[in-house]
Amino acid sequence: MTRILALVLLAFLPLSALAAETETPVPQALIQPAGDTALDSFLWLNRPIVVFADTASDPRFIDQIAMLEAEADRLRERDVVVLTDIDPGTRSPARQKLRPRGFQIVLIDKDGGVMLRRPFPQSVREITRSIDKTPLRQREIEERRGQ
């Protein structure tokens, strides 16, 4: 009886592995509200860009989001996630940690260090150049070439 049970289990084992391989991960939205998200939750996984503004109608905020959306593929290639915080009245974890004044864009590397902090919109080209200069990104590029 135990031999039959073992054979049945062995027959289903490859099927469960096949099912696990065919599951595709749900892509994460590039731009999302910061809300109560702790920046530490992105450590070693993503490079968060936090865009702060006092209101969603701030022209700098609108321009920045438009620039980021226009070249979303270049940002995704570098594991970037954009967090928006447009309510200075709420003390979100991002606001408490980064302490912005008015409009500000902050780029954080995968190790949690602030790479770029500017009080005006940044082009995706400037952002990706800042990312590509880091040793961590250089190592990622080398690993991808080796595959």
C-alpha atoms as a PDB file:
ATOM      1  CA  MET A   1       0.000   0.000   0.000  1.00  0.00           C
ATOM      2  CA  THR A   2       2.784   2.431   0.866  1.00  0.00           C
ATOM      3  CA  ARG A   3       4.515   1.654  -2.441  1.00  0.00           C
ATOM      4  CA  ILE A   4       1.394   2.587  -4.381  1.00  0.00           C
ATOM      5  CA  LEU A   5       1.031   5.817  -2.410  1.00  0.00           C
ATOM      6  CA  ALA A   6       4.687   6.655  -3.051  1.00  0.00           C
ATOM      7  CA  LEU A   7       4.250   6.037  -6.801  1.00  0.00           C
ATOM      8  CA  VAL A   8       1.144   8.233  -6.928  1.00  0.00           C
ATOM      9  CA  LEU A   9       2.945  11.055  -5.109  1.00  0.00           C
ATOM     10  CA  LEU A  10       5.956  10.742  -7.393  1.00  0.00           C
ATOM     11  CA  ALA A  11       3.667  10.938 -10.413  1.00  0.00           C
ATOM     12  CA  PHE A  12       2.177  14.260  -9.248  1.00  0.00           C
ATOM     13  CA  LEU A  13       5.449  15.855  -8.147  1.00  0.00           C
ATOM     14  CA  PRO A  14       6.581  16.864 -11.672  1.00  0.00           C
ATOM     15  CA  LEU A  15       3.137  18.321 -12.370  1.00  0.00           C
ATOM     16  CA  SER A  16       3.304  20.609  -9.350  1.00  0.00           C
ATOM     17  CA  ALA A  17       6.781  21.775 -10.379  1.00  0.00           C
ATOM     18  CA  LEU A  18       5.508  22.482 -13.890  1.00  0.00           C
ATOM     19  CA  ALA A  19       2.617  24.507 -12.493  1.00  0.00           C
ATOM     20  CA  ALA A  20       4.995  26.560 -10.359  1.00  0.00           C
ATOM     21  CA  GLU A  21       7.171  27.336 -13.389  1.00  0.00           C
ATOM     22  CA  THR A  22       4.257  28.497 -15.544  1.00  0.00           C
ATOM     23  CA  GLU A  23       2.994  31.028 -13.018  1.00  0.00           C
ATOM     24  CA  THR A  24       3.981  34.478 -14.229  1.00  0.00           C
ATOM     25  CA  PRO A  25       4.648  37.144 -11.641  1.00  0.00           C
ATOM     26  CA  VAL A  26       2.230  40.035 -11.628  1.00  0.00           C
ATOM     27  CA  PRO A  27       4.126  43.120 -12.790  1.00  0.00           C
ATOM     28  CA  GLN A  28       4.330  45.847 -10.197  1.00  0.00           C
ATOM     29  CA  ALA A  29       2.925  49.225 -11.206  1.00  0.00           C
ATOM     30  CA  LEU A  30       5.710  51.675 -11.999  1.00  0.00           C
ATOM     31  CA  ILE A  31       4.004  54.637 -10.328  1.00  0.00           C
ATOM     32  CA  GLN A  32       2.132  54.137  -7.072  1.00  0.00           C
ATOM     33  CA  PRO A  33       1.190  56.256  -4.070  1.00  0.00           C
ATOM     34  CA  ALA A  34       3.663  56.141  -1.199  1.00  0.00           C
ATOM     35  CA  GLY A  35       0.939  55.774   1.412  1.00  0.00           C
ATOM     36  CA  ASP A  36       2.173  53.828   4.448  1.00  0.00           C
ATOM     37  CA  THR A  37       4.853  51.998   2.479  1.00  0.00           C
ATOM     38  CA  ALA A  38       8.142  51.826   4.357  1.00  0.00           C
ATOM     39  CA  LEU A  39      11.167  52.551   2.183  1.00  0.00           C
ATOM     40  CA  ASP A  40      12.972  49.642   3.850  1.00  0.00           C
ATOM     41  CA  SER A  41      10.588  47.240   2.091  1.00  0.00           C
ATOM     42  CA  PHE A  42      12.444  47.982  -1.171  1.00  0.00           C
ATOM     43  CA  LEU A  43      15.933  47.157   0.156  1.00  0.00           C
ATOM     44  CA  TRP A  44      17.905  45.053  -2.335  1.00  0.00           C
ATOM     45  CA  LEU A  45      14.802  44.647  -4.544  1.00  0.00           C
ATOM     46  CA  ASN A  46      14.045  48.015  -6.143  1.00  0.00           C
ATOM     47  CA  ARG A  47      15.340  51.543  -6.519  1.00  0.00           C
ATOM     48  CA  PRO A  48      12.544  53.785  -5.301  1.00  0.00           C
ATOM     49  CA  ILE A  49      12.113  57.253  -6.721  1.00  0.00           C
ATOM     50  CA  VAL A  50       9.975  59.278  -4.343  1.00  0.00           C
ATOM     51  CA  VAL A  51       8.270  62.315  -5.880  1.00  0.00           C
ATOM     52  CA  PHE A  52       6.973  64.775  -3.298  1.00  0.00           C
ATOM     53  CA  ALA A  53       4.652  67.714  -3.926  1.00  0.00           C
ATOM     54  CA  ASP A  54       2.261  69.785  -1.855  1.00  0.00           C
ATOM     55  CA  THR A  55      -0.551  69.123  -4.335  1.00  0.00           C
ATOM     56  CA  ALA A  56      -1.221  66.972  -7.410  1.00  0.00           C
ATOM     57  CA  SER A  57      -1.752  70.132  -9.476  1.00  0.00           C
ATOM     58  CA  ASP A  58       1.846  71.349  -8.954  1.00  0.00           C
ATOM     59  CA  PRO A  59       3.222  71.844 -12.514  1.00  0.00           C
ATOM     60  CA  ARG A  60       6.593  70.387 -11.486  1.00  0.00           C
ATOM     61  CA  PHE A  61       4.856  67.254 -10.188  1.00  0.00           C
ATOM     62  CA  ILE A  62       2.815  66.900 -13.382  1.00  0.00           C
ATOM     63  CA  ASP A  63       5.930  67.353 -15.556  1.00  0.00           C
ATOM     64  CA  GLN A  64       7.941  64.862 -13.510  1.00  0.00           C
ATOM     65  CA  ILE A  65       5.291  62.153 -13.670  1.00  0.00           C
ATOM     66  CA  ALA A  66       4.867  62.696 -17.423  1.00  0.00           C
ATOM     67  CA  MET A  67       8.633  62.314 -17.971  1.00  0.00           C
ATOM     68  CA  LEU A  68       8.736  59.131 -15.892  1.00  0.00           C
ATOM     69  CA  GLU A  69       5.728  57.592 -17.659  1.00  0.00           C
ATOM     70  CA  ALA A  70       7.143  58.420 -21.097  1.00  0.00           C
ATOM     71  CA  GLU A  71      10.216  56.259 -20.502  1.00  0.00           C
ATOM     72  CA  ALA A  72       8.856  53.656 -18.134  1.00  0.00           C
ATOM     73  CA  ASP A  73      10.739  50.797 -19.841  1.00  0.00           C
ATOM     74  CA  ARG A  74      14.136  52.372 -19.133  1.00  0.00           C
ATOM     75  CA  LEU A  75      13.181  52.691 -15.468  1.00  0.00           C
ATOM     76  CA  ARG A  76      11.817  49.149 -15.175  1.00  0.00           C
ATOM     77  CA  GLU A  77      15.049  47.841 -16.693  1.00  0.00           C
ATOM     78  CA  ARG A  78      16.824  49.336 -13.675  1.00  0.00           C
ATOM     79  CA  ASP A  79      14.303  47.989 -11.118  1.00  0.00           C
ATOM     80  CA  VAL A  80      12.843  51.432 -10.391  1.00  0.00           C
ATOM     81  CA  VAL A  81       9.572  51.951  -8.542  1.00  0.00           C
ATOM     82  CA  VAL A  82       8.106  55.464  -8.370  1.00  0.00           C
ATOM     83  CA  LEU A  83       6.318  56.464  -5.176  1.00  0.00           C
ATOM     84  CA  THR A  84       4.252  59.647  -5.104  1.00  0.00           C
ATOM     85  CA  ASP A  85       3.454  61.650  -1.978  1.00  0.00           C
ATOM     86  CA  ILE A  86       1.245  64.677  -2.600  1.00  0.00           C
ATOM     87  CA  ASP A  87      -0.209  65.241   0.844  1.00  0.00           C
ATOM     88  CA  PRO A  88       2.135  67.063   3.237  1.00  0.00           C
ATOM     89  CA  GLY A  89      -0.514  66.808   5.966  1.00  0.00           C
ATOM     90  CA  THR A  90      -0.054  63.068   6.344  1.00  0.00           C
ATOM     91  CA  ARG A  91       3.193  62.013   7.895  1.00  0.00           C
ATOM     92  CA  SER A  92       3.995  59.084   5.633  1.00  0.00           C
ATOM     93  CA  PRO A  93       7.103  57.019   6.381  1.00  0.00           C
ATOM     94  CA  ALA A  94       8.751  58.494   3.266  1.00  0.00           C
ATOM     95  CA  ARG A  95       8.066  62.072   4.439  1.00  0.00           C
ATOM     96  CA  GLN A  96       9.326  61.328   7.915  1.00  0.00           C
ATOM     97  CA  LYS A  97      12.545  59.811   6.642  1.00  0.00           C
ATOM     98  CA  LEU A  98      13.341  62.193   3.755  1.00  0.00           C
ATOM     99  CA  ARG A  99      11.820  65.469   5.075  1.00  0.00           C
ATOM    100  CA  PRO A 100      10.984  67.206   1.782  1.00  0.00           C
ATOM    101  CA  ARG A 101       9.980  70.851   1.414  1.00  0.00           C
ATOM    102  CA  GLY A 102       7.526  71.475  -1.395  1.00  0.00           C
ATOM    103  CA  PHE A 103       8.370  69.664  -4.620  1.00  0.00           C
ATOM    104  CA  GLN A 104      11.264  67.232  -4.422  1.00  0.00           C
ATOM    105  CA  ILE A 105      12.442  64.108  -6.219  1.00  0.00           C
ATOM    106  CA  VAL A 106      14.574  61.602  -4.304  1.00  0.00           C
ATOM    107  CA  LEU A 107      16.270  58.576  -5.859  1.00  0.00           C
ATOM    108  CA  ILE A 108      17.214  55.797  -3.447  1.00  0.00           C
ATOM    109  CA  ASP A 109      19.535  52.933  -4.386  1.00  0.00           C
ATOM    110  CA  LYS A 110      18.842  49.288  -3.593  1.00  0.00           C
ATOM    111  CA  ASP A 111      21.098  49.516  -0.538  1.00  0.00           C
ATOM    112  CA  GLY A 112      18.896  52.275   0.942  1.00  0.00           C
ATOM    113  CA  GLY A 113      21.281  55.173   0.302  1.00  0.00           C
ATOM    114  CA  VAL A 114      20.022  58.430  -1.207  1.00  0.00           C
ATOM    115  CA  MET A 115      21.597  58.787  -4.660  1.00  0.00           C
ATOM    116  CA  LEU A 116      19.891  61.937  -5.900  1.00  0.00           C
ATOM    117  CA  ARG A 117      17.799  64.679  -4.301  1.00  0.00           C
ATOM    118  CA  ARG A 118      16.559  67.595  -6.391  1.00  0.00           C
ATOM    119  CA  PRO A 119      13.974  70.381  -5.882  1.00  0.00           C
ATOM    120  CA  PHE A 120      13.077  70.400  -9.595  1.00  0.00           C
ATOM    121  CA  PRO A 121      12.036  67.757 -12.160  1.00  0.00           C
ATOM    122  CA  GLN A 122      14.728  65.432 -13.508  1.00  0.00           C
ATOM    123  CA  SER A 123      14.747  63.802 -16.931  1.00  0.00           C
ATOM    124  CA  VAL A 124      14.828  60.029 -17.135  1.00  0.00           C
ATOM    125  CA  ARG A 125      18.209  60.361 -18.823  1.00  0.00           C
ATOM    126  CA  GLU A 126      19.655  62.137 -15.769  1.00  0.00           C
ATOM    127  CA  ILE A 127      18.083  59.597 -13.433  1.00  0.00           C
ATOM    128  CA  THR A 128      19.364  56.575 -15.366  1.00  0.00           C
ATOM    129  CA  ARG A 129      22.848  58.093 -15.579  1.00  0.00           C
ATOM    130  CA  SER A 130      22.902  58.438 -11.804  1.00  0.00           C
ATOM    131  CA  ILE A 131      21.811  54.814 -11.447  1.00  0.00           C
ATOM    132  CA  ASP A 132      24.236  53.473 -14.053  1.00  0.00           C
ATOM    133  CA  LYS A 133      27.244  55.053 -12.305  1.00  0.00           C
ATOM    134  CA  THR A 134      26.773  53.044  -9.107  1.00  0.00           C
ATOM    135  CA  PRO A 135      28.863  49.940  -8.395  1.00  0.00           C
ATOM    136  CA  LEU A 136      25.697  47.955  -7.676  1.00  0.00           C
ATOM    137  CA  ARG A 137      24.286  48.722 -11.137  1.00  0.00           C
ATOM    138  CA  GLN A 138      27.643  47.958 -12.761  1.00  0.00           C
ATOM    139  CA  ARG A 139      27.579  44.547 -11.096  1.00  0.00           C
ATOM    140  CA  GLU A 140      23.998  43.957 -12.342  1.00  0.00           C
ATOM    141  CA  ILE A 141      25.077  44.781 -15.891  1.00  0.00           C
ATOM    142  CA  GLU A 142      28.026  42.369 -15.661  1.00  0.00           C
ATOM    143  CA  GLU A 143      25.793  39.592 -14.309  1.00  0.00           C
ATOM    144  CA  ARG A 144      23.324  40.051 -17.175  1.00  0.00           C
ATOM    145  CA  ARG A 145      26.131  39.922 -19.730  1.00  0.00           C
ATOM    146  CA  GLY A 146      27.369  36.665 -18.215  1.00  0.00           C
ATOM    147  CA  GLN A 147      24.037  34.922 -18.652  1.00  0.00           C
END
